[in-house]
């Protein structure tokens, strides 16, 4: 994954999404997936659903979990790279 500037020179809202145009500012490699995870970073992590696009993972997470549930259940989105590694640093 490589960072790229917003094509419109807009600013990153802190989630690697342009706050003005909504463009995702990180390129992914074919085979990379974004997985919604409960209990993220703790023993007993539970993969809920995976998506090819970050925006789809965010939409699904926000549709299924309230802000309070995301905090209580430690719901995060993990980037699973095609090379077998993963990270929560998206």
C-alpha atoms as a PDB file:
ATOM      1  CA  UNK A   1       0.000   0.000   0.000  1.00  0.00           C
ATOM      2  CA  UNK A   2       1.343   3.410  -0.899  1.00  0.00           C
ATOM      3  CA  UNK A   3       0.109   6.828   0.102  1.00  0.00           C
ATOM      4  CA  UNK A   4      -0.886   9.153  -2.700  1.00  0.00           C
ATOM      5  CA  UNK A   5      -1.935  12.797  -2.605  1.00  0.00           C
ATOM      6  CA  UNK A   6      -5.573  13.693  -3.090  1.00  0.00           C
ATOM      7  CA  UNK A   7      -6.067  14.277  -6.839  1.00  0.00           C
ATOM      8  CA  UNK A   8      -7.786  17.557  -6.016  1.00  0.00           C
ATOM      9  CA  UNK A   9      -5.171  18.619  -3.441  1.00  0.00           C
ATOM     10  CA  UNK A  10      -7.804  18.368  -0.727  1.00  0.00           C
ATOM     11  CA  UNK A  11      -6.949  17.431   2.847  1.00  0.00           C
ATOM     12  CA  UNK A  12      -6.933  14.112   4.680  1.00  0.00           C
ATOM     13  CA  UNK A  13      -9.659  13.953   7.330  1.00  0.00           C
ATOM     14  CA  UNK A  14      -7.580  11.578   9.490  1.00  0.00           C
ATOM     15  CA  UNK A  15      -9.027   8.379   8.013  1.00  0.00           C
ATOM     16  CA  UNK A  16      -7.113   8.555   4.712  1.00  0.00           C
ATOM     17  CA  UNK A  17     -10.259   9.854   3.067  1.00  0.00           C
ATOM     18  CA  UNK A  18     -10.355  13.318   1.530  1.00  0.00           C
ATOM     19  CA  UNK A  19     -12.616  15.481   3.662  1.00  0.00           C
ATOM     20  CA  UNK A  20     -13.752  17.383   0.567  1.00  0.00           C
ATOM     21  CA  UNK A  21     -14.210  14.846  -2.229  1.00  0.00           C
ATOM     22  CA  UNK A  22     -14.318  11.546  -0.275  1.00  0.00           C
ATOM     23  CA  UNK A  23     -11.550   9.910  -2.321  1.00  0.00           C
ATOM     24  CA  UNK A  24      -9.683   7.093  -0.584  1.00  0.00           C
ATOM     25  CA  UNK A  25      -6.072   8.261  -0.397  1.00  0.00           C
ATOM     26  CA  UNK A  26      -4.305   4.910  -0.174  1.00  0.00           C
ATOM     27  CA  UNK A  27      -3.886   2.522  -3.069  1.00  0.00           C
ATOM     28  CA  UNK A  28      -4.262  -1.168  -2.401  1.00  0.00           C
ATOM     29  CA  UNK A  29      -2.920  -4.181  -4.236  1.00  0.00           C
ATOM     30  CA  UNK A  30      -5.263  -6.727  -5.835  1.00  0.00           C
ATOM     31  CA  UNK A  31      -5.938  -9.354  -3.173  1.00  0.00           C
ATOM     32  CA  UNK A  32      -5.894  -6.861  -0.281  1.00  0.00           C
ATOM     33  CA  UNK A  33      -9.087  -6.917   1.813  1.00  0.00           C
ATOM     34  CA  UNK A  34     -10.590  -4.775   4.552  1.00  0.00           C
ATOM     35  CA  UNK A  35     -12.047  -6.827   7.407  1.00  0.00           C
ATOM     36  CA  UNK A  36     -14.437  -5.574  10.096  1.00  0.00           C
ATOM     37  CA  UNK A  37     -13.242  -7.104  13.372  1.00  0.00           C
ATOM     38  CA  UNK A  38     -14.864  -7.298  16.807  1.00  0.00           C
ATOM     39  CA  UNK A  39     -12.566  -7.366  19.853  1.00  0.00           C
ATOM     40  CA  UNK A  40      -9.794  -5.963  17.654  1.00  0.00           C
ATOM     41  CA  UNK A  41      -6.350  -6.163  19.208  1.00  0.00           C
ATOM     42  CA  UNK A  42      -7.516  -8.423  22.024  1.00  0.00           C
ATOM     43  CA  UNK A  43      -7.600 -12.168  22.564  1.00  0.00           C
ATOM     44  CA  UNK A  44     -10.633 -13.622  20.833  1.00  0.00           C
ATOM     45  CA  UNK A  45     -10.699 -11.313  17.803  1.00  0.00           C
ATOM     46  CA  UNK A  46     -13.763 -12.065  15.682  1.00  0.00           C
ATOM     47  CA  UNK A  47     -13.655 -11.357  11.938  1.00  0.00           C
ATOM     48  CA  UNK A  48     -17.154 -10.262  10.981  1.00  0.00           C
ATOM     49  CA  UNK A  49     -16.983  -9.514   7.250  1.00  0.00           C
ATOM     50  CA  UNK A  50     -14.382  -8.674   4.597  1.00  0.00           C
ATOM     51  CA  UNK A  51     -14.570  -6.282   1.666  1.00  0.00           C
ATOM     52  CA  UNK A  52     -12.413  -5.382  -1.312  1.00  0.00           C
ATOM     53  CA  UNK A  53     -12.920  -1.647  -0.686  1.00  0.00           C
ATOM     54  CA  UNK A  54     -12.311   0.365   2.497  1.00  0.00           C
ATOM     55  CA  UNK A  55     -15.433   2.476   1.920  1.00  0.00           C
ATOM     56  CA  UNK A  56     -17.608  -0.657   1.757  1.00  0.00           C
ATOM     57  CA  UNK A  57     -16.165  -1.904   5.064  1.00  0.00           C
ATOM     58  CA  UNK A  58     -16.872   1.466   6.714  1.00  0.00           C
ATOM     59  CA  UNK A  59     -20.449   1.548   5.384  1.00  0.00           C
ATOM     60  CA  UNK A  60     -21.143  -1.987   6.625  1.00  0.00           C
ATOM     61  CA  UNK A  61     -19.565  -1.305  10.043  1.00  0.00           C
ATOM     62  CA  UNK A  62     -21.562   1.894  10.469  1.00  0.00           C
ATOM     63  CA  UNK A  63     -24.797   0.195   9.384  1.00  0.00           C
ATOM     64  CA  UNK A  64     -24.377  -2.700  11.868  1.00  0.00           C
ATOM     65  CA  UNK A  65     -22.752  -0.976  14.848  1.00  0.00           C
ATOM     66  CA  UNK A  66     -23.611   2.229  16.687  1.00  0.00           C
ATOM     67  CA  UNK A  67     -20.736   4.399  17.903  1.00  0.00           C
ATOM     68  CA  UNK A  68     -21.274   3.073  21.424  1.00  0.00           C
ATOM     69  CA  UNK A  69     -21.224  -0.543  20.221  1.00  0.00           C
ATOM     70  CA  UNK A  70     -18.027   0.079  18.229  1.00  0.00           C
ATOM     71  CA  UNK A  71     -16.339   1.362  21.385  1.00  0.00           C
ATOM     72  CA  UNK A  72     -17.725  -1.328  23.709  1.00  0.00           C
ATOM     73  CA  UNK A  73     -17.028  -4.215  21.310  1.00  0.00           C
ATOM     74  CA  UNK A  74     -13.685  -2.798  20.072  1.00  0.00           C
ATOM     75  CA  UNK A  75     -14.804  -2.857  16.429  1.00  0.00           C
ATOM     76  CA  UNK A  76     -12.051  -1.849  13.987  1.00  0.00           C
ATOM     77  CA  UNK A  77     -11.239  -2.302  10.316  1.00  0.00           C
ATOM     78  CA  UNK A  78      -8.128  -4.330   9.551  1.00  0.00           C
ATOM     79  CA  UNK A  79      -6.264  -4.239   6.242  1.00  0.00           C
ATOM     80  CA  UNK A  80      -5.307  -7.778   5.214  1.00  0.00           C
ATOM     81  CA  UNK A  81      -2.547  -7.531   2.614  1.00  0.00           C
ATOM     82  CA  UNK A  82      -2.154  -9.979  -0.259  1.00  0.00           C
ATOM     83  CA  UNK A  83       1.273 -10.994   1.131  1.00  0.00           C
ATOM     84  CA  UNK A  84      -0.404 -12.486   4.255  1.00  0.00           C
ATOM     85  CA  UNK A  85       0.352  -9.649   6.657  1.00  0.00           C
ATOM     86  CA  UNK A  86      -2.259  -7.394   8.237  1.00  0.00           C
ATOM     87  CA  UNK A  87      -2.487  -4.061  10.003  1.00  0.00           C
ATOM     88  CA  UNK A  88      -4.972  -1.801  11.743  1.00  0.00           C
ATOM     89  CA  UNK A  89      -2.904   1.225  10.670  1.00  0.00           C
ATOM     90  CA  UNK A  90      -4.997   2.235   7.691  1.00  0.00           C
END
